[in-house]
Structure formats: structure tokens, C-alpha cells
Amino acid sequence: MPIDLFAGIPVNDYASALDWYERLFGSPPTFVASDTEAVWELAEHRSVAIEHLPEHAGHAMHTIFVDDFDTLISQIAGRGLEPAKRETYENGVRKATYRDPDGNEIGFGGAPR
């Protein structure tokens, strides 16, 4: 069964969030759905969107698993963002959690070294 994912992230200040997520993802949005919503397609049929919804801002929690964890975290650091939290679980899986200006959490997970 094919699976599509569209994860939404409510933000308070759309312009500020747009800049922050462009640095996090390393590119402008794949498309701008409206004056208050931007979408990044991270992989085929798997997208993340920010939307100006101040009454809900700060409550998103998403984790994205990647093949090359170390390279991605290094690239994000090169764009001026550092994780708010780093974890290594008992099974060796690593996670770096970033918090946008509203406090939404975007984590990247990677397999053990």
C-alpha cells in the first residue's frame, strides 16, 4: 500500500518561519500554496508544510529519518542552525532536535554509526 505524508507545522510569524525552514531544509519551499502556507517535498509523496496559524503555533513535533545523519547535521550547522537537543538511544539510533522560533520541534534521526 503506497503511503503519502503531509505534515503541517503551525507558525506565528510566517516570514520568520519561512526563513528558518529554508535554512533547516537547505532550500526554498518546493511550492507556495498560498500567502500563508509553504510546502517542502522531502521525498516523493512526503511533504512538510508551514502555515500561519498563530493559535496553534509551537505544538508540532515531527521526526524525519535520514540515511546520512552526520552529513545532514553538518550541512544544517553550515546554514547557522544548531540542534536544541542531541540524543543517542540504547539501540544506537541518534536524534538531533531543532526548535523553530515558535518552539515547534523538528527532529532528524539516523541509524547507529
PDB file of N, CA and C in Angstrom:
ATOM      1  N   MET A   1       0.843  -1.168   0.000  1.00  0.00           N
ATOM      2  CA  MET A   1       0.000   0.000   0.000  1.00  0.00           C
ATOM      3  C   MET A   1       0.895   1.240   0.000  1.00  0.00           C
ATOM      4  N   PRO A   2       0.776   2.099  -1.007  1.00  0.00           N
ATOM      5  CA  PRO A   2       1.569   3.337  -1.036  1.00  0.00           C
ATOM      6  C   PRO A   2       1.137   4.262   0.098  1.00  0.00           C
ATOM      7  N   ILE A   3       2.113   4.993   0.612  1.00  0.00           N
ATOM      8  CA  ILE A   3       1.825   5.921   1.702  1.00  0.00           C
ATOM      9  C   ILE A   3       2.287   7.315   1.312  1.00  0.00           C
ATOM     10  N   ASP A   4       1.410   8.287   1.506  1.00  0.00           N
ATOM     11  CA  ASP A   4       1.738   9.693   1.344  1.00  0.00           C
ATOM     12  C   ASP A   4       1.709  10.328   2.721  1.00  0.00           C
ATOM     13  N   LEU A   5       2.555  11.332   2.931  1.00  0.00           N
ATOM     14  CA  LEU A   5       2.570  12.034   4.207  1.00  0.00           C
ATOM     15  C   LEU A   5       2.626  13.528   3.932  1.00  0.00           C
ATOM     16  N   PHE A   6       1.755  14.270   4.593  1.00  0.00           N
ATOM     17  CA  PHE A   6       1.748  15.725   4.522  1.00  0.00           C
ATOM     18  C   PHE A   6       1.686  16.222   5.959  1.00  0.00           C
ATOM     19  N   ALA A   7       2.841  16.625   6.498  1.00  0.00           N
ATOM     20  CA  ALA A   7       2.936  17.053   7.892  1.00  0.00           C
ATOM     21  C   ALA A   7       2.860  18.571   7.965  1.00  0.00           C
ATOM     22  N   GLY A   8       1.956  19.074   8.778  1.00  0.00           N
ATOM     23  CA  GLY A   8       1.777  20.511   8.918  1.00  0.00           C
ATOM     24  C   GLY A   8       2.413  21.054  10.186  1.00  0.00           C
ATOM     25  N   ILE A   9       2.957  22.263  10.071  1.00  0.00           N
ATOM     26  CA  ILE A   9       3.589  22.934  11.197  1.00  0.00           C
ATOM     27  C   ILE A   9       2.985  24.335  11.310  1.00  0.00           C
ATOM     28  N   PRO A  10       2.210  24.582  12.365  1.00  0.00           N
ATOM     29  CA  PRO A  10       1.630  25.908  12.541  1.00  0.00           C
ATOM     30  C   PRO A  10       2.663  26.901  13.071  1.00  0.00           C
ATOM     31  N   VAL A  11       2.682  28.087  12.486  1.00  0.00           N
ATOM     32  CA  VAL A  11       3.653  29.107  12.893  1.00  0.00           C
ATOM     33  C   VAL A  11       2.955  30.427  13.198  1.00  0.00           C
ATOM     34  N   ASN A  12       3.621  31.231  13.997  1.00  0.00           N
ATOM     35  CA  ASN A  12       3.086  32.528  14.392  1.00  0.00           C
ATOM     36  C   ASN A  12       3.477  33.621  13.399  1.00  0.00           C
ATOM     37  N   ASP A  13       4.758  33.681  13.040  1.00  0.00           N
ATOM     38  CA  ASP A  13       5.274  34.696  12.124  1.00  0.00           C
ATOM     39  C   ASP A  13       5.721  33.991  10.854  1.00  0.00           C
ATOM     40  N   TYR A  14       4.899  34.047   9.819  1.00  0.00           N
ATOM     41  CA  TYR A  14       5.146  33.300   8.593  1.00  0.00           C
ATOM     42  C   TYR A  14       6.485  33.666   7.947  1.00  0.00           C
ATOM     43  N   ALA A  15       6.798  34.941   7.826  1.00  0.00           N
ATOM     44  CA  ALA A  15       8.039  35.367   7.160  1.00  0.00           C
ATOM     45  C   ALA A  15       9.264  34.858   7.906  1.00  0.00           C
ATOM     46  N   SER A  16       9.262  34.966   9.213  1.00  0.00           N
ATOM     47  CA  SER A  16      10.379  34.485  10.025  1.00  0.00           C
ATOM     48  C   SER A  16      10.505  32.972   9.919  1.00  0.00           C
ATOM     49  N   ALA A  17       9.387  32.273   9.972  1.00  0.00           N
ATOM     50  CA  ALA A  17       9.395  30.820   9.872  1.00  0.00           C
ATOM     51  C   ALA A  17       9.870  30.371   8.495  1.00  0.00           C
ATOM     52  N   LEU A  18       9.454  31.064   7.456  1.00  0.00           N
ATOM     53  CA  LEU A  18       9.878  30.724   6.099  1.00  0.00           C
ATOM     54  C   LEU A  18      11.393  30.771   5.996  1.00  0.00           C
ATOM     55  N   ASP A  19      12.006  31.814   6.517  1.00  0.00           N
ATOM     56  CA  ASP A  19      13.466  31.933   6.511  1.00  0.00           C
ATOM     57  C   ASP A  19      14.109  30.798   7.302  1.00  0.00           C
ATOM     58  N   TRP A  20      13.594  30.509   8.483  1.00  0.00           N
ATOM     59  CA  TRP A  20      14.169  29.479   9.344  1.00  0.00           C
ATOM     60  C   TRP A  20      14.089  28.103   8.681  1.00  0.00           C
ATOM     61  N   TYR A  21      12.943  27.761   8.111  1.00  0.00           N
ATOM     62  CA  TYR A  21      12.779  26.448   7.481  1.00  0.00           C
ATOM     63  C   TYR A  21      13.578  26.335   6.181  1.00  0.00           C
ATOM     64  N   GLU A  22      13.778  27.440   5.475  1.00  0.00           N
ATOM     65  CA  GLU A  22      14.660  27.401   4.305  1.00  0.00           C
ATOM     66  C   GLU A  22      16.084  27.052   4.738  1.00  0.00           C
ATOM     67  N   ARG A  23      16.533  27.576   5.874  1.00  0.00           N
ATOM     68  CA  ARG A  23      17.861  27.225   6.386  1.00  0.00           C
ATOM     69  C   ARG A  23      17.888  25.781   6.877  1.00  0.00           C
ATOM     70  N   LEU A  24      16.828  25.344   7.551  1.00  0.00           N
ATOM     71  CA  LEU A  24      16.783  23.970   8.050  1.00  0.00           C
ATOM     72  C   LEU A  24      16.823  22.973   6.893  1.00  0.00           C
ATOM     73  N   PHE A  25      15.982  23.155   5.891  1.00  0.00           N
ATOM     74  CA  PHE A  25      15.878  22.216   4.783  1.00  0.00           C
ATOM     75  C   PHE A  25      16.877  22.489   3.658  1.00  0.00           C
ATOM     76  N   GLY A  26      17.531  23.644   3.693  1.00  0.00           N
ATOM     77  CA  GLY A  26      18.567  23.942   2.715  1.00  0.00           C
ATOM     78  C   GLY A  26      18.071  24.384   1.356  1.00  0.00           C
ATOM     79  N   SER A  27      16.812  24.806   1.298  1.00  0.00           N
ATOM     80  CA  SER A  27      16.263  25.258   0.015  1.00  0.00           C
ATOM     81  C   SER A  27      14.974  26.037   0.249  1.00  0.00           C
ATOM     82  N   PRO A  28      14.581  26.812  -0.764  1.00  0.00           N
ATOM     83  CA  PRO A  28      13.262  27.436  -0.692  1.00  0.00           C
ATOM     84  C   PRO A  28      12.196  26.338  -0.743  1.00  0.00           C
ATOM     85  N   PRO A  29      10.964  26.670  -0.424  1.00  0.00           N
ATOM     86  CA  PRO A  29       9.909  25.665  -0.496  1.00  0.00           C
ATOM     87  C   PRO A  29       9.768  25.111  -1.915  1.00  0.00           C
ATOM     88  N   THR A  30       9.296  23.891  -1.996  1.00  0.00           N
ATOM     89  CA  THR A  30       9.017  23.275  -3.289  1.00  0.00           C
ATOM     90  C   THR A  30       7.919  24.051  -4.004  1.00  0.00           C
ATOM     91  N   PHE A  31       6.937  24.473  -3.222  1.00  0.00           N
ATOM     92  CA  PHE A  31       5.918  25.367  -3.769  1.00  0.00           C
ATOM     93  C   PHE A  31       5.276  26.146  -2.632  1.00  0.00           C
ATOM     94  N   VAL A  32       4.707  27.280  -2.984  1.00  0.00           N
ATOM     95  CA  VAL A  32       3.991  28.128  -2.037  1.00  0.00           C
ATOM     96  C   VAL A  32       2.508  27.958  -2.344  1.00  0.00           C
ATOM     97  N   ALA A  33       1.801  27.376  -1.384  1.00  0.00           N
ATOM     98  CA  ALA A  33       0.388  27.059  -1.591  1.00  0.00           C
ATOM     99  C   ALA A  33      -0.505  28.295  -1.513  1.00  0.00           C
ATOM    100  N   SER A  34      -0.102  29.260  -0.673  1.00  0.00           N
ATOM    101  CA  SER A  34      -0.874  30.496  -0.520  1.00  0.00           C
ATOM    102  C   SER A  34       0.035  31.539   0.131  1.00  0.00           C
ATOM    103  N   ASP A  35      -0.514  32.702   0.432  1.00  0.00           N
ATOM    104  CA  ASP A  35       0.268  33.751   1.098  1.00  0.00           C
ATOM    105  C   ASP A  35       0.672  33.357   2.512  1.00  0.00           C
ATOM    106  N   THR A  36       0.082  32.285   3.039  1.00  0.00           N
ATOM    107  CA  THR A  36       0.352  31.890   4.427  1.00  0.00           C
ATOM    108  C   THR A  36       0.777  30.435   4.569  1.00  0.00           C
ATOM    109  N   GLU A  37       1.101  29.769   3.452  1.00  0.00           N
ATOM    110  CA  GLU A  37       1.482  28.355   3.520  1.00  0.00           C
ATOM    111  C   GLU A  37       2.560  28.031   2.485  1.00  0.00           C
ATOM    112  N   ALA A  38       3.630  27.375   2.956  1.00  0.00           N
ATOM    113  CA  ALA A  38       4.720  26.939   2.086  1.00  0.00           C
ATOM    114  C   ALA A  38       4.982  25.460   2.327  1.00  0.00           C
ATOM    115  N   VAL A  39       5.350  24.745   1.250  1.00  0.00           N
ATOM    116  CA  VAL A  39       5.484  23.292   1.312  1.00  0.00           C
ATOM    117  C   VAL A  39       6.852  22.853   0.774  1.00  0.00           C
ATOM    118  N   TRP A  40       7.512  21.951   1.518  1.00  0.00           N
ATOM    119  CA  TRP A  40       8.761  21.319   1.079  1.00  0.00           C
ATOM    120  C   TRP A  40       8.465  19.850   0.841  1.00  0.00           C
ATOM    121  N   GLU A  41       8.744  19.362  -0.363  1.00  0.00           N
ATOM    122  CA  GLU A  41       8.622  17.931  -0.619  1.00  0.00           C
ATOM    123  C   GLU A  41       9.980  17.317  -0.297  1.00  0.00           C
ATOM    124  N   LEU A  42      10.042  16.555   0.795  1.00  0.00           N
ATOM    125  CA  LEU A  42      11.302  15.976   1.258  1.00  0.00           C
ATOM    126  C   LEU A  42      11.656  14.713   0.489  1.00  0.00           C
ATOM    127  N   ALA A  43      10.657  13.994   0.037  1.00  0.00           N
ATOM    128  CA  ALA A  43      10.801  12.802  -0.794  1.00  0.00           C
ATOM    129  C   ALA A  43       9.467  12.643  -1.515  1.00  0.00           C
ATOM    130  N   GLU A  44       9.435  11.786  -2.512  1.00  0.00           N
ATOM    131  CA  GLU A  44       8.206  11.626  -3.263  1.00  0.00           C
ATOM    132  C   GLU A  44       7.044  11.277  -2.327  1.00  0.00           C
ATOM    133  N   HIS A  45       6.006  12.086  -2.404  1.00  0.00           N
ATOM    134  CA  HIS A  45       4.777  11.894  -1.617  1.00  0.00           C
ATOM    135  C   HIS A  45       4.989  12.079  -0.111  1.00  0.00           C
ATOM    136  N   ARG A  46       6.030  12.813   0.266  1.00  0.00           N
ATOM    137  CA  ARG A  46       6.311  13.063   1.683  1.00  0.00           C
ATOM    138  C   ARG A  46       6.692  14.540   1.826  1.00  0.00           C
ATOM    139  N   SER A  47       5.765  15.318   2.368  1.00  0.00           N
ATOM    140  CA  SER A  47       5.945  16.763   2.433  1.00  0.00           C
ATOM    141  C   SER A  47       5.775  17.306   3.837  1.00  0.00           C
ATOM    142  N   VAL A  48       6.414  18.452   4.057  1.00  0.00           N
ATOM    143  CA  VAL A  48       6.274  19.210   5.297  1.00  0.00           C
ATOM    144  C   VAL A  48       5.854  20.616   4.896  1.00  0.00           C
ATOM    145  N   ALA A  49       4.881  21.145   5.606  1.00  0.00           N
ATOM    146  CA  ALA A  49       4.382  22.488   5.295  1.00  0.00           C
ATOM    147  C   ALA A  49       4.360  23.342   6.543  1.00  0.00           C
ATOM    148  N   ILE A  50       4.642  24.624   6.359  1.00  0.00           N
ATOM    149  CA  ILE A  50       4.402  25.596   7.433  1.00  0.00           C
ATOM    150  C   ILE A  50       3.171  26.398   7.035  1.00  0.00           C
ATOM    151  N   GLU A  51       2.397  26.765   8.036  1.00  0.00           N
ATOM    152  CA  GLU A  51       1.213  27.568   7.772  1.00  0.00           C
ATOM    153  C   GLU A  51       1.008  28.556   8.910  1.00  0.00           C
ATOM    154  N   HIS A  52       0.653  29.766   8.548  1.00  0.00           N
ATOM    155  CA  HIS A  52       0.392  30.803   9.541  1.00  0.00           C
ATOM    156  C   HIS A  52      -0.899  30.475  10.277  1.00  0.00           C
ATOM    157  N   LEU A  53      -0.745  29.905  11.463  1.00  0.00           N
ATOM    158  CA  LEU A  53      -1.870  29.564  12.349  1.00  0.00           C
ATOM    159  C   LEU A  53      -1.426  29.881  13.780  1.00  0.00           C
ATOM    160  N   PRO A  54      -1.369  31.165  14.128  1.00  0.00           N
ATOM    161  CA  PRO A  54      -0.804  31.567  15.418  1.00  0.00           C
ATOM    162  C   PRO A  54      -1.436  30.885  16.631  1.00  0.00           C
ATOM    163  N   GLU A  55      -2.713  30.572  16.549  1.00  0.00           N
ATOM    164  CA  GLU A  55      -3.389  29.963  17.702  1.00  0.00           C
ATOM    165  C   GLU A  55      -2.909  28.539  17.975  1.00  0.00           C
ATOM    166  N   HIS A  56      -2.203  27.937  17.029  1.00  0.00           N
ATOM    167  CA  HIS A  56      -1.698  26.568  17.191  1.00  0.00           C
ATOM    168  C   HIS A  56      -0.172  26.487  17.180  1.00  0.00           C
ATOM    169  N   ALA A  57       0.492  27.611  16.967  1.00  0.00           N
ATOM    170  CA  ALA A  57       1.950  27.620  16.808  1.00  0.00           C
ATOM    171  C   ALA A  57       2.655  27.065  18.049  1.00  0.00           C
ATOM    172  N   GLY A  58       3.739  26.343  17.790  1.00  0.00           N
ATOM    173  CA  GLY A  58       4.588  25.857  18.870  1.00  0.00           C
ATOM    174  C   GLY A  58       4.283  24.458  19.365  1.00  0.00           C
ATOM    175  N   HIS A  59       3.341  23.770  18.747  1.00  0.00           N
ATOM    176  CA  HIS A  59       2.937  22.457  19.254  1.00  0.00           C
ATOM    177  C   HIS A  59       3.304  21.287  18.344  1.00  0.00           C
ATOM    178  N   ALA A  60       3.948  21.543  17.214  1.00  0.00           N
ATOM    179  CA  ALA A  60       4.294  20.454  16.292  1.00  0.00           C
ATOM    180  C   ALA A  60       5.507  19.675  16.802  1.00  0.00           C
ATOM    181  N   MET A  61       5.489  18.375  16.547  1.00  0.00           N
ATOM    182  CA  MET A  61       6.612  17.508  16.891  1.00  0.00           C
ATOM    183  C   MET A  61       6.737  16.478  15.774  1.00  0.00           C
ATOM    184  N   HIS A  62       7.761  16.624  14.925  1.00  0.00           N
ATOM    185  CA  HIS A  62       7.965  15.708  13.808  1.00  0.00           C
ATOM    186  C   HIS A  62       9.396  15.208  13.832  1.00  0.00           C
ATOM    187  N   THR A  63       9.604  13.958  13.457  1.00  0.00           N
ATOM    188  CA  THR A  63      10.943  13.397  13.308  1.00  0.00           C
ATOM    189  C   THR A  63      11.062  12.811  11.912  1.00  0.00           C
ATOM    190  N   ILE A  64      12.153  13.143  11.259  1.00  0.00           N
ATOM    191  CA  ILE A  64      12.429  12.693   9.897  1.00  0.00           C
ATOM    192  C   ILE A  64      13.676  11.823   9.959  1.00  0.00           C
ATOM    193  N   PHE A  65      13.592  10.594   9.484  1.00  0.00           N
ATOM    194  CA  PHE A  65      14.753   9.708   9.477  1.00  0.00           C
ATOM    195  C   PHE A  65      15.489   9.844   8.152  1.00  0.00           C
ATOM    196  N   VAL A  66      16.811   9.929   8.249  1.00  0.00           N
ATOM    197  CA  VAL A  66      17.649  10.140   7.067  1.00  0.00           C
ATOM    198  C   VAL A  66      18.748   9.084   7.006  1.00  0.00           C
ATOM    199  N   ASP A  67      19.268   8.858   5.799  1.00  0.00           N
ATOM    200  CA  ASP A  67      20.333   7.875   5.608  1.00  0.00           C
ATOM    201  C   ASP A  67      21.679   8.374   6.110  1.00  0.00           C
ATOM    202  N   ASP A  68      22.001   9.639   5.841  1.00  0.00           N
ATOM    203  CA  ASP A  68      23.318  10.167   6.206  1.00  0.00           C
ATOM    204  C   ASP A  68      23.153  11.261   7.262  1.00  0.00           C
ATOM    205  N   PHE A  69      22.921  10.835   8.478  1.00  0.00           N
ATOM    206  CA  PHE A  69      22.653  11.718   9.609  1.00  0.00           C
ATOM    207  C   PHE A  69      23.772  12.741   9.805  1.00  0.00           C
ATOM    208  N   ASP A  70      25.020  12.284   9.865  1.00  0.00           N
ATOM    209  CA  ASP A  70      26.141  13.187  10.155  1.00  0.00           C
ATOM    210  C   ASP A  70      26.285  14.280   9.104  1.00  0.00           C
ATOM    211  N   THR A  71      26.158  13.911   7.840  1.00  0.00           N
ATOM    212  CA  THR A  71      26.275  14.903   6.768  1.00  0.00           C
ATOM    213  C   THR A  71      25.164  15.937   6.870  1.00  0.00           C
ATOM    214  N   LEU A  72      23.939  15.482   7.097  1.00  0.00           N
ATOM    215  CA  LEU A  72      22.822  16.420   7.184  1.00  0.00           C
ATOM    216  C   LEU A  72      23.001  17.396   8.341  1.00  0.00           C
ATOM    217  N   ILE A  73      23.359  16.897   9.513  1.00  0.00           N
ATOM    218  CA  ILE A  73      23.515  17.767  10.679  1.00  0.00           C
ATOM    219  C   ILE A  73      24.631  18.783  10.429  1.00  0.00           C
ATOM    220  N   SER A  74      25.695  18.349   9.772  1.00  0.00           N
ATOM    221  CA  SER A  74      26.794  19.252   9.416  1.00  0.00           C
ATOM    222  C   SER A  74      26.329  20.324   8.421  1.00  0.00           C
ATOM    223  N   GLN A  75      25.544  19.932   7.437  1.00  0.00           N
ATOM    224  CA  GLN A  75      25.031  20.895   6.457  1.00  0.00           C
ATOM    225  C   GLN A  75      24.123  21.926   7.122  1.00  0.00           C
ATOM    226  N   ILE A  76      23.269  21.473   8.021  1.00  0.00           N
ATOM    227  CA  ILE A  76      22.374  22.406   8.727  1.00  0.00           C
ATOM    228  C   ILE A  76      23.195  23.376   9.573  1.00  0.00           C
ATOM    229  N   ALA A  77      24.229  22.880  10.237  1.00  0.00           N
ATOM    230  CA  ALA A  77      25.106  23.759  11.033  1.00  0.00           C
ATOM    231  C   ALA A  77      25.755  24.803  10.138  1.00  0.00           C
ATOM    232  N   GLY A  78      26.123  24.414   8.932  1.00  0.00           N
ATOM    233  CA  GLY A  78      26.711  25.353   7.976  1.00  0.00           C
ATOM    234  C   GLY A  78      25.753  26.451   7.563  1.00  0.00           C
ATOM    235  N   ARG A  79      24.473  26.215   7.758  1.00  0.00           N
ATOM    236  CA  ARG A  79      23.457  27.236   7.456  1.00  0.00           C
ATOM    237  C   ARG A  79      23.046  28.007   8.700  1.00  0.00           C
ATOM    238  N   GLY A  80      23.802  27.800   9.810  1.00  0.00           N
ATOM    239  CA  GLY A  80      23.607  28.609  11.005  1.00  0.00           C
ATOM    240  C   GLY A  80      22.631  28.082  12.040  1.00  0.00           C
ATOM    241  N   LEU A  81      22.210  26.835  11.926  1.00  0.00           N
ATOM    242  CA  LEU A  81      21.283  26.272  12.911  1.00  0.00           C
ATOM    243  C   LEU A  81      21.949  25.124  13.650  1.00  0.00           C
ATOM    244  N   GLU A  82      21.775  25.094  14.949  1.00  0.00           N
ATOM    245  CA  GLU A  82      22.299  24.021  15.793  1.00  0.00           C
ATOM    246  C   GLU A  82      21.132  23.343  16.498  1.00  0.00           C
ATOM    247  N   PRO A  83      21.235  22.044  16.718  1.00  0.00           N
ATOM    248  CA  PRO A  83      20.150  21.354  17.418  1.00  0.00           C
ATOM    249  C   PRO A  83      20.004  21.856  18.854  1.00  0.00           C
ATOM    250  N   ALA A  84      18.773  21.903  19.313  1.00  0.00           N
ATOM    251  CA  ALA A  84      18.496  22.253  20.707  1.00  0.00           C
ATOM    252  C   ALA A  84      18.803  21.067  21.606  1.00  0.00           C
ATOM    253  N   LYS A  85      18.765  19.869  21.019  1.00  0.00           N
ATOM    254  CA  LYS A  85      18.957  18.656  21.804  1.00  0.00           C
ATOM    255  C   LYS A  85      19.524  17.561  20.903  1.00  0.00           C
ATOM    256  N   ARG A  86      20.464  16.785  21.451  1.00  0.00           N
ATOM    257  CA  ARG A  86      21.008  15.602  20.763  1.00  0.00           C
ATOM    258  C   ARG A  86      20.825  14.404  21.678  1.00  0.00           C
ATOM    259  N   GLU A  87      20.420  13.288  21.083  1.00  0.00           N
ATOM    260  CA  GLU A  87      20.208  12.079  21.868  1.00  0.00           C
ATOM    261  C   GLU A  87      20.765  10.872  21.121  1.00  0.00           C
ATOM    262  N   THR A  88      21.193   9.885  21.893  1.00  0.00           N
ATOM    263  CA  THR A  88      21.520   8.575  21.349  1.00  0.00           C
ATOM    264  C   THR A  88      20.761   7.568  22.193  1.00  0.00           C
ATOM    265  N   TYR A  89      19.903   6.808  21.556  1.00  0.00           N
ATOM    266  CA  TYR A  89      19.078   5.840  22.259  1.00  0.00           C
ATOM    267  C   TYR A  89      19.861   4.554  22.522  1.00  0.00           C
ATOM    268  N   GLU A  90      19.328   3.725  23.395  1.00  0.00           N
ATOM    269  CA  GLU A  90      20.002   2.475  23.777  1.00  0.00           C
ATOM    270  C   GLU A  90      20.353   1.603  22.581  1.00  0.00           C
ATOM    271  N   ASN A  91      19.544   1.659  21.533  1.00  0.00           N
ATOM    272  CA  ASN A  91      19.803   0.839  20.348  1.00  0.00           C
ATOM    273  C   ASN A  91      20.794   1.505  19.386  1.00  0.00           C
ATOM    274  N   GLY A  92      21.326   2.664  19.775  1.00  0.00           N
ATOM    275  CA  GLY A  92      22.312   3.364  18.966  1.00  0.00           C
ATOM    276  C   GLY A  92      21.753   4.392  18.004  1.00  0.00           C
ATOM    277  N   VAL A  93      20.446   4.435  17.824  1.00  0.00           N
ATOM    278  CA  VAL A  93      19.837   5.423  16.939  1.00  0.00           C
ATOM    279  C   VAL A  93      20.088   6.815  17.516  1.00  0.00           C
ATOM    280  N   ARG A  94      20.478   7.719  16.636  1.00  0.00           N
ATOM    281  CA  ARG A  94      20.765   9.097  17.056  1.00  0.00           C
ATOM    282  C   ARG A  94      19.653  10.036  16.592  1.00  0.00           C
ATOM    283  N   LYS A  95      19.457  11.104  17.355  1.00  0.00           N
ATOM    284  CA  LYS A  95      18.440  12.095  17.019  1.00  0.00           C
ATOM    285  C   LYS A  95      18.946  13.482  17.381  1.00  0.00           C
ATOM    286  N   ALA A  96      18.728  14.409  16.463  1.00  0.00           N
ATOM    287  CA  ALA A  96      19.018  15.828  16.702  1.00  0.00           C
ATOM    288  C   ALA A  96      17.696  16.571  16.562  1.00  0.00           C
ATOM    289  N   THR A  97      17.344  17.321  17.591  1.00  0.00           N
ATOM    290  CA  THR A  97      16.072  18.049  17.595  1.00  0.00           C
ATOM    291  C   THR A  97      16.333  19.541  17.477  1.00  0.00           C
ATOM    292  N   TYR A  98      15.668  20.160  16.517  1.00  0.00           N
ATOM    293  CA  TYR A  98      15.735  21.605  16.297  1.00  0.00           C
ATOM    294  C   TYR A  98      14.410  22.206  16.731  1.00  0.00           C
ATOM    295  N   ARG A  99      14.451  23.429  17.230  1.00  0.00           N
ATOM    296  CA  ARG A  99      13.224  24.140  17.598  1.00  0.00           C
ATOM    297  C   ARG A  99      13.160  25.427  16.794  1.00  0.00           C
ATOM    298  N   ASP A 100      12.049  25.609  16.100  1.00  0.00           N
ATOM    299  CA  ASP A 100      11.871  26.838  15.336  1.00  0.00           C
ATOM    300  C   ASP A 100      11.554  27.989  16.285  1.00  0.00           C
ATOM    301  N   PRO A 101      11.431  29.217  15.783  1.00  0.00           N
ATOM    302  CA  PRO A 101      11.178  30.366  16.668  1.00  0.00           C
ATOM    303  C   PRO A 101       9.913  30.248  17.522  1.00  0.00           C
ATOM    304  N   ASP A 102       8.961  29.421  17.117  1.00  0.00           N
ATOM    305  CA  ASP A 102       7.737  29.229  17.897  1.00  0.00           C
ATOM    306  C   ASP A 102       7.833  28.074  18.883  1.00  0.00           C
ATOM    307  N   GLY A 103       8.909  27.289  18.804  1.00  0.00           N
ATOM    308  CA  GLY A 103       9.064  26.142  19.684  1.00  0.00           C
ATOM    309  C   GLY A 103       8.646  24.819  19.064  1.00  0.00           C
ATOM    310  N   ASN A 104       8.190  24.827  17.808  1.00  0.00           N
ATOM    311  CA  ASN A 104       7.898  23.571  17.121  1.00  0.00           C
ATOM    312  C   ASN A 104       9.173  22.750  17.045  1.00  0.00           C
ATOM    313  N   GLU A 105       9.056  21.440  17.237  1.00  0.00           N
ATOM    314  CA  GLU A 105      10.223  20.561  17.216  1.00  0.00           C
ATOM    315  C   GLU A 105      10.290  19.773  15.916  1.00  0.00           C
ATOM    316  N   ILE A 106      11.445  19.875  15.264  1.00  0.00           N
ATOM    317  CA  ILE A 106      11.717  19.095  14.067  1.00  0.00           C
ATOM    318  C   ILE A 106      12.976  18.281  14.372  1.00  0.00           C
ATOM    319  N   GLY A 107      12.831  16.979  14.429  1.00  0.00           N
ATOM    320  CA  GLY A 107      13.948  16.110  14.720  1.00  0.00           C
ATOM    321  C   GLY A 107      14.406  15.365  13.492  1.00  0.00           C
ATOM    322  N   PHE A 108      15.701  15.059  13.455  1.00  0.00           N
ATOM    323  CA  PHE A 108      16.259  14.205  12.421  1.00  0.00           C
ATOM    324  C   PHE A 108      16.875  13.014  13.116  1.00  0.00           C
ATOM    325  N   GLY A 109      16.515  11.827  12.667  1.00  0.00           N
ATOM    326  CA  GLY A 109      17.036  10.613  13.247  1.00  0.00           C
ATOM    327  C   GLY A 109      17.913   9.870  12.265  1.00  0.00           C
ATOM    328  N   GLY A 110      18.872   9.150  12.817  1.00  0.00           N
ATOM    329  CA  GLY A 110      19.767   8.392  11.961  1.00  0.00           C
ATOM    330  C   GLY A 110      20.187   7.096  12.617  1.00  0.00           C
ATOM    331  N   ALA A 111      20.524   6.140  11.788  1.00  0.00           N
ATOM    332  CA  ALA A 111      20.955   4.829  12.248  1.00  0.00           C
ATOM    333  C   ALA A 111      22.257   4.944  13.047  1.00  0.00           C
ATOM    334  N   PRO A 112      22.535   3.935  13.839  1.00  0.00           N
ATOM    335  CA  PRO A 112      23.801   3.924  14.594  1.00  0.00           C
ATOM    336  C   PRO A 112      24.994   4.015  13.652  1.00  0.00           C
ATOM    337  N   ARG A 113      26.097   4.492  14.166  1.00  0.00           N
ATOM    338  CA  ARG A 113      27.323   4.587  13.364  1.00  0.00           C
ATOM    339  C   ARG A 113      27.886   3.237  13.096  1.00  0.00           C
TER     340      ARG A 113
END
